[in-house]
């Protein structure tokens, strides 16, 4: 695994776009957008740029997947992040229309409202291209985050946007922390992991 690699932001954004192309949260935001993949790449670029400045990025070999995460000392939802979100909302409006932008704004507000107050490391995006799934690569992407958290005796938090992934996180010590209702038919799951003493 390559942590904070020299991979260009656009490449990492493309990897995440391909990894999340079939994710329920993006089905909700982008609906049947015909330019979905290029829209998603543009969507991810500001997030990746922020993670490269304030957080950390882990890349799987051969760009099969990526993980962006923030150490505990970083306050994710701060004024700087608000600027990032404004940029993303403009991007979504431009590529996918105002309704998609409003759906995204609602979704990110719900995530912010449920953000734990306690100091923690946070996995913001972790995704694998469809061809890379089921090969243990997700575990390799998550391991440096959990090792850092355990070494520094810090809890971890993430939001699972796909119920299919909950058992994977549970195998790595996460527990369901909160249900984040986005609309009448879709909820995301906040997951919490206490550090493990060596």
C-alpha atoms as a PDB file:
ATOM      1  CA  UNK A   1       0.000   0.000   0.000  1.00  0.00           C
ATOM      2  CA  UNK A   2       1.243   3.469  -0.857  1.00  0.00           C
ATOM      3  CA  UNK A   3       0.395   6.120   1.732  1.00  0.00           C
ATOM      4  CA  UNK A   4       0.261   9.768   0.593  1.00  0.00           C
ATOM      5  CA  UNK A   5       1.669   8.615  -2.732  1.00  0.00           C
ATOM      6  CA  UNK A   6       2.618  10.913  -5.582  1.00  0.00           C
ATOM      7  CA  UNK A   7      -0.396   9.712  -7.589  1.00  0.00           C
ATOM      8  CA  UNK A   8      -2.109  12.716  -9.243  1.00  0.00           C
ATOM      9  CA  UNK A   9      -5.363  13.915  -7.658  1.00  0.00           C
ATOM     10  CA  UNK A  10      -7.255  13.286 -10.920  1.00  0.00           C
ATOM     11  CA  UNK A  11      -6.127   9.622 -10.942  1.00  0.00           C
ATOM     12  CA  UNK A  12      -7.215   9.064  -7.331  1.00  0.00           C
ATOM     13  CA  UNK A  13     -10.552  10.756  -8.087  1.00  0.00           C
ATOM     14  CA  UNK A  14     -11.016   8.444 -11.088  1.00  0.00           C
ATOM     15  CA  UNK A  15     -10.282   5.366  -8.929  1.00  0.00           C
ATOM     16  CA  UNK A  16     -12.874   6.492  -6.362  1.00  0.00           C
ATOM     17  CA  UNK A  17     -15.407   7.304  -9.097  1.00  0.00           C
ATOM     18  CA  UNK A  18     -15.083   3.775 -10.518  1.00  0.00           C
ATOM     19  CA  UNK A  19     -15.165   2.291  -6.996  1.00  0.00           C
ATOM     20  CA  UNK A  20     -18.378   4.099  -6.021  1.00  0.00           C
ATOM     21  CA  UNK A  21     -20.152   3.975  -9.406  1.00  0.00           C
ATOM     22  CA  UNK A  22     -22.562   1.292  -8.108  1.00  0.00           C
ATOM     23  CA  UNK A  23     -22.901   2.698  -4.578  1.00  0.00           C
ATOM     24  CA  UNK A  24     -26.438   3.444  -3.280  1.00  0.00           C
ATOM     25  CA  UNK A  25     -25.498   6.960  -2.076  1.00  0.00           C
ATOM     26  CA  UNK A  26     -24.396   7.941  -5.579  1.00  0.00           C
ATOM     27  CA  UNK A  27     -27.468   6.284  -7.105  1.00  0.00           C
ATOM     28  CA  UNK A  28     -29.452   8.623  -4.875  1.00  0.00           C
ATOM     29  CA  UNK A  29     -27.475  11.787  -5.694  1.00  0.00           C
ATOM     30  CA  UNK A  30     -26.923  11.295  -9.414  1.00  0.00           C
ATOM     31  CA  UNK A  31     -29.930   9.159 -10.333  1.00  0.00           C
ATOM     32  CA  UNK A  32     -29.758   8.239 -14.042  1.00  0.00           C
ATOM     33  CA  UNK A  33     -27.163  10.835 -15.065  1.00  0.00           C
ATOM     34  CA  UNK A  34     -25.740   9.746 -18.466  1.00  0.00           C
ATOM     35  CA  UNK A  35     -22.343  11.350 -17.695  1.00  0.00           C
ATOM     36  CA  UNK A  36     -22.174   9.749 -14.294  1.00  0.00           C
ATOM     37  CA  UNK A  37     -18.537   8.601 -14.242  1.00  0.00           C
ATOM     38  CA  UNK A  38     -17.073  11.930 -15.395  1.00  0.00           C
ATOM     39  CA  UNK A  39     -19.435  13.747 -12.997  1.00  0.00           C
ATOM     40  CA  UNK A  40     -18.271  11.536 -10.135  1.00  0.00           C
ATOM     41  CA  UNK A  41     -14.601  12.111 -10.999  1.00  0.00           C
ATOM     42  CA  UNK A  42     -15.200  15.891 -10.867  1.00  0.00           C
ATOM     43  CA  UNK A  43     -17.103  15.349  -7.589  1.00  0.00           C
ATOM     44  CA  UNK A  44     -14.220  13.458  -5.970  1.00  0.00           C
ATOM     45  CA  UNK A  45     -11.406  15.800  -7.022  1.00  0.00           C
ATOM     46  CA  UNK A  46     -12.016  18.513  -4.339  1.00  0.00           C
ATOM     47  CA  UNK A  47     -12.418  15.796  -1.670  1.00  0.00           C
ATOM     48  CA  UNK A  48      -9.109  14.197  -2.715  1.00  0.00           C
ATOM     49  CA  UNK A  49      -7.391  17.606  -2.814  1.00  0.00           C
ATOM     50  CA  UNK A  50      -8.591  18.305   0.755  1.00  0.00           C
ATOM     51  CA  UNK A  51      -7.451  14.878   1.976  1.00  0.00           C
ATOM     52  CA  UNK A  52      -4.036  15.399   0.374  1.00  0.00           C
ATOM     53  CA  UNK A  53      -3.652  18.681   2.310  1.00  0.00           C
ATOM     54  CA  UNK A  54      -5.256  17.912   5.683  1.00  0.00           C
ATOM     55  CA  UNK A  55      -5.569  14.151   5.793  1.00  0.00           C
ATOM     56  CA  UNK A  56      -3.967  11.053   4.322  1.00  0.00           C
ATOM     57  CA  UNK A  57      -4.485   9.019   1.157  1.00  0.00           C
ATOM     58  CA  UNK A  58      -3.689   5.346   0.748  1.00  0.00           C
ATOM     59  CA  UNK A  59      -3.579   3.819  -2.731  1.00  0.00           C
ATOM     60  CA  UNK A  60      -3.813   0.130  -3.538  1.00  0.00           C
ATOM     61  CA  UNK A  61      -1.225  -1.246  -5.990  1.00  0.00           C
ATOM     62  CA  UNK A  62      -2.085  -0.714  -9.674  1.00  0.00           C
ATOM     63  CA  UNK A  63      -4.699   1.887  -8.638  1.00  0.00           C
ATOM     64  CA  UNK A  64      -7.189  -0.860  -7.741  1.00  0.00           C
ATOM     65  CA  UNK A  65      -8.625   1.140  -4.858  1.00  0.00           C
ATOM     66  CA  UNK A  66      -8.103   4.105  -2.569  1.00  0.00           C
ATOM     67  CA  UNK A  67      -8.752   5.265   0.979  1.00  0.00           C
ATOM     68  CA  UNK A  68      -8.872   8.864   2.210  1.00  0.00           C
ATOM     69  CA  UNK A  69      -8.825   9.433   5.947  1.00  0.00           C
ATOM     70  CA  UNK A  70      -8.216  12.108   8.581  1.00  0.00           C
ATOM     71  CA  UNK A  71      -6.222  11.799  11.810  1.00  0.00           C
ATOM     72  CA  UNK A  72      -7.935  12.804  15.061  1.00  0.00           C
ATOM     73  CA  UNK A  73      -6.317  16.259  15.255  1.00  0.00           C
ATOM     74  CA  UNK A  74      -8.068  17.345  12.037  1.00  0.00           C
ATOM     75  CA  UNK A  75     -11.507  18.871  12.460  1.00  0.00           C
ATOM     76  CA  UNK A  76     -13.076  17.663   9.208  1.00  0.00           C
ATOM     77  CA  UNK A  77     -16.266  19.736   9.098  1.00  0.00           C
ATOM     78  CA  UNK A  78     -14.556  23.129   9.517  1.00  0.00           C
ATOM     79  CA  UNK A  79     -14.705  26.358   7.474  1.00  0.00           C
ATOM     80  CA  UNK A  80     -12.138  25.073   4.998  1.00  0.00           C
ATOM     81  CA  UNK A  81     -14.280  21.995   4.406  1.00  0.00           C
ATOM     82  CA  UNK A  82     -17.333  24.224   3.935  1.00  0.00           C
ATOM     83  CA  UNK A  83     -15.443  25.820   1.018  1.00  0.00           C
ATOM     84  CA  UNK A  84     -14.737  22.376  -0.418  1.00  0.00           C
ATOM     85  CA  UNK A  85     -18.433  21.498  -0.149  1.00  0.00           C
ATOM     86  CA  UNK A  86     -19.466  24.729  -1.877  1.00  0.00           C
ATOM     87  CA  UNK A  87     -17.101  23.870  -4.725  1.00  0.00           C
ATOM     88  CA  UNK A  88     -18.541  20.343  -4.955  1.00  0.00           C
ATOM     89  CA  UNK A  89     -22.131  21.642  -4.955  1.00  0.00           C
ATOM     90  CA  UNK A  90     -21.226  23.968  -7.852  1.00  0.00           C
ATOM     91  CA  UNK A  91     -19.611  21.046  -9.689  1.00  0.00           C
ATOM     92  CA  UNK A  92     -22.661  18.818  -9.211  1.00  0.00           C
ATOM     93  CA  UNK A  93     -24.988  21.621 -10.348  1.00  0.00           C
ATOM     94  CA  UNK A  94     -22.889  22.117 -13.487  1.00  0.00           C
ATOM     95  CA  UNK A  95     -22.582  18.413 -14.396  1.00  0.00           C
ATOM     96  CA  UNK A  96     -25.781  16.894 -13.008  1.00  0.00           C
ATOM     97  CA  UNK A  97     -28.253  19.724 -12.339  1.00  0.00           C
ATOM     98  CA  UNK A  98     -29.699  21.457  -9.334  1.00  0.00           C
ATOM     99  CA  UNK A  99     -31.783  18.544  -8.037  1.00  0.00           C
ATOM    100  CA  UNK A 100     -28.673  16.348  -7.722  1.00  0.00           C
ATOM    101  CA  UNK A 101     -26.864  19.183  -5.948  1.00  0.00           C
ATOM    102  CA  UNK A 102     -29.753  19.554  -3.483  1.00  0.00           C
ATOM    103  CA  UNK A 103     -29.788  15.799  -2.818  1.00  0.00           C
ATOM    104  CA  UNK A 104     -26.047  15.876  -2.119  1.00  0.00           C
ATOM    105  CA  UNK A 105     -26.379  18.915   0.145  1.00  0.00           C
ATOM    106  CA  UNK A 106     -29.083  17.162   2.177  1.00  0.00           C
ATOM    107  CA  UNK A 107     -26.971  13.984   2.415  1.00  0.00           C
ATOM    108  CA  UNK A 108     -23.804  15.779   3.608  1.00  0.00           C
ATOM    109  CA  UNK A 109     -25.834  17.803   6.157  1.00  0.00           C
ATOM    110  CA  UNK A 110     -27.170  14.560   7.628  1.00  0.00           C
ATOM    111  CA  UNK A 111     -23.627  13.173   7.839  1.00  0.00           C
ATOM    112  CA  UNK A 112     -22.391  16.354   9.535  1.00  0.00           C
ATOM    113  CA  UNK A 113     -25.300  16.295  12.016  1.00  0.00           C
ATOM    114  CA  UNK A 114     -24.343  12.760  13.074  1.00  0.00           C
ATOM    115  CA  UNK A 115     -20.588  13.353  13.292  1.00  0.00           C
ATOM    116  CA  UNK A 116     -19.319  12.090  16.680  1.00  0.00           C
ATOM    117  CA  UNK A 117     -18.109  14.872  18.980  1.00  0.00           C
ATOM    118  CA  UNK A 118     -15.421  12.736  20.583  1.00  0.00           C
ATOM    119  CA  UNK A 119     -11.914  12.966  19.096  1.00  0.00           C
ATOM    120  CA  UNK A 120     -11.388  10.195  16.510  1.00  0.00           C
ATOM    121  CA  UNK A 121      -9.685   9.168  13.280  1.00  0.00           C
ATOM    122  CA  UNK A 122     -12.122   9.093  10.355  1.00  0.00           C
ATOM    123  CA  UNK A 123     -12.155   6.994   7.216  1.00  0.00           C
ATOM    124  CA  UNK A 124     -13.858   9.316   4.751  1.00  0.00           C
ATOM    125  CA  UNK A 125     -13.818   7.240   1.542  1.00  0.00           C
ATOM    126  CA  UNK A 126     -12.618   3.694   1.043  1.00  0.00           C
ATOM    127  CA  UNK A 127     -13.398   2.094  -2.286  1.00  0.00           C
ATOM    128  CA  UNK A 128     -12.303  -0.682  -4.599  1.00  0.00           C
ATOM    129  CA  UNK A 129     -12.880  -0.992  -8.315  1.00  0.00           C
ATOM    130  CA  UNK A 130     -15.341  -3.851  -8.980  1.00  0.00           C
ATOM    131  CA  UNK A 131     -12.560  -6.056 -10.430  1.00  0.00           C
ATOM    132  CA  UNK A 132     -10.512  -5.707  -7.211  1.00  0.00           C
ATOM    133  CA  UNK A 133     -13.200  -6.746  -4.724  1.00  0.00           C
ATOM    134  CA  UNK A 134     -13.062  -9.931  -2.672  1.00  0.00           C
ATOM    135  CA  UNK A 135      -9.244 -10.184  -2.798  1.00  0.00           C
ATOM    136  CA  UNK A 136      -8.301  -8.770   0.606  1.00  0.00           C
ATOM    137  CA  UNK A 137      -7.325  -5.373  -0.810  1.00  0.00           C
ATOM    138  CA  UNK A 138      -9.937  -3.512   1.268  1.00  0.00           C
ATOM    139  CA  UNK A 139      -8.374  -4.951   4.411  1.00  0.00           C
ATOM    140  CA  UNK A 140      -4.941  -3.747   3.223  1.00  0.00           C
ATOM    141  CA  UNK A 141      -6.322  -0.220   2.649  1.00  0.00           C
ATOM    142  CA  UNK A 142      -7.908  -0.103   6.110  1.00  0.00           C
ATOM    143  CA  UNK A 143      -4.963  -1.581   8.038  1.00  0.00           C
ATOM    144  CA  UNK A 144      -2.691   1.531   8.108  1.00  0.00           C
ATOM    145  CA  UNK A 145      -5.568   3.601   9.541  1.00  0.00           C
ATOM    146  CA  UNK A 146      -6.352   1.071  12.267  1.00  0.00           C
ATOM    147  CA  UNK A 147      -2.643   0.589  13.066  1.00  0.00           C
ATOM    148  CA  UNK A 148      -2.264   4.368  13.461  1.00  0.00           C
ATOM    149  CA  UNK A 149      -5.391   4.562  15.639  1.00  0.00           C
ATOM    150  CA  UNK A 150      -4.297   1.684  17.878  1.00  0.00           C
ATOM    151  CA  UNK A 151      -0.740   3.010  18.222  1.00  0.00           C
ATOM    152  CA  UNK A 152      -2.097   6.430  19.246  1.00  0.00           C
ATOM    153  CA  UNK A 153      -4.955   4.943  21.319  1.00  0.00           C
ATOM    154  CA  UNK A 154      -7.639   6.630  19.266  1.00  0.00           C
ATOM    155  CA  UNK A 155     -11.086   5.449  18.193  1.00  0.00           C
ATOM    156  CA  UNK A 156     -12.108   5.361  14.520  1.00  0.00           C
ATOM    157  CA  UNK A 157     -15.320   6.366  12.789  1.00  0.00           C
ATOM    158  CA  UNK A 158     -16.656   5.839   9.287  1.00  0.00           C
ATOM    159  CA  UNK A 159     -19.995   5.905   7.515  1.00  0.00           C
ATOM    160  CA  UNK A 160     -21.004   2.848   5.520  1.00  0.00           C
ATOM    161  CA  UNK A 161     -23.046   3.978   2.534  1.00  0.00           C
ATOM    162  CA  UNK A 162     -23.757   0.389   1.497  1.00  0.00           C
ATOM    163  CA  UNK A 163     -25.305  -2.136   3.899  1.00  0.00           C
ATOM    164  CA  UNK A 164     -23.409  -4.862   1.998  1.00  0.00           C
ATOM    165  CA  UNK A 165     -20.131  -3.558   3.530  1.00  0.00           C
ATOM    166  CA  UNK A 166     -21.199  -3.530   7.194  1.00  0.00           C
ATOM    167  CA  UNK A 167     -20.022  -7.100   7.903  1.00  0.00           C
ATOM    168  CA  UNK A 168     -16.576  -6.226   6.454  1.00  0.00           C
ATOM    169  CA  UNK A 169     -16.217  -3.321   8.894  1.00  0.00           C
ATOM    170  CA  UNK A 170     -17.527  -5.427  11.780  1.00  0.00           C
ATOM    171  CA  UNK A 171     -14.795  -7.996  11.084  1.00  0.00           C
ATOM    172  CA  UNK A 172     -12.289  -5.174  11.646  1.00  0.00           C
ATOM    173  CA  UNK A 173     -13.686  -4.162  15.028  1.00  0.00           C
ATOM    174  CA  UNK A 174     -16.288  -1.550  14.020  1.00  0.00           C
ATOM    175  CA  UNK A 175     -19.742  -1.578  15.564  1.00  0.00           C
ATOM    176  CA  UNK A 176     -22.929   0.125  14.426  1.00  0.00           C
ATOM    177  CA  UNK A 177     -22.971   3.559  16.037  1.00  0.00           C
ATOM    178  CA  UNK A 178     -25.956   5.328  14.457  1.00  0.00           C
ATOM    179  CA  UNK A 179     -28.412   5.066  11.600  1.00  0.00           C
ATOM    180  CA  UNK A 180     -28.315   8.157   9.382  1.00  0.00           C
ATOM    181  CA  UNK A 181     -31.646   8.550   7.627  1.00  0.00           C
ATOM    182  CA  UNK A 182     -31.250  10.234   4.244  1.00  0.00           C
ATOM    183  CA  UNK A 183     -34.795   9.707   2.977  1.00  0.00           C
ATOM    184  CA  UNK A 184     -37.729   7.312   3.450  1.00  0.00           C
ATOM    185  CA  UNK A 185     -36.014   4.495   1.559  1.00  0.00           C
ATOM    186  CA  UNK A 186     -32.307   4.996   2.238  1.00  0.00           C
ATOM    187  CA  UNK A 187     -30.183   5.224   5.367  1.00  0.00           C
ATOM    188  CA  UNK A 188     -26.442   5.129   5.924  1.00  0.00           C
ATOM    189  CA  UNK A 189     -24.744   3.553   8.948  1.00  0.00           C
ATOM    190  CA  UNK A 190     -22.263   5.344  11.185  1.00  0.00           C
ATOM    191  CA  UNK A 191     -19.723   2.840  12.551  1.00  0.00           C
ATOM    192  CA  UNK A 192     -17.391   3.215  15.513  1.00  0.00           C
ATOM    193  CA  UNK A 193     -14.273   1.287  16.542  1.00  0.00           C
ATOM    194  CA  UNK A 194     -12.526   1.662  19.894  1.00  0.00           C
ATOM    195  CA  UNK A 195      -8.750   1.307  19.779  1.00  0.00           C
ATOM    196  CA  UNK A 196      -7.179  -2.050  20.533  1.00  0.00           C
ATOM    197  CA  UNK A 197      -4.348  -2.093  23.092  1.00  0.00           C
ATOM    198  CA  UNK A 198      -1.308  -4.094  22.041  1.00  0.00           C
END
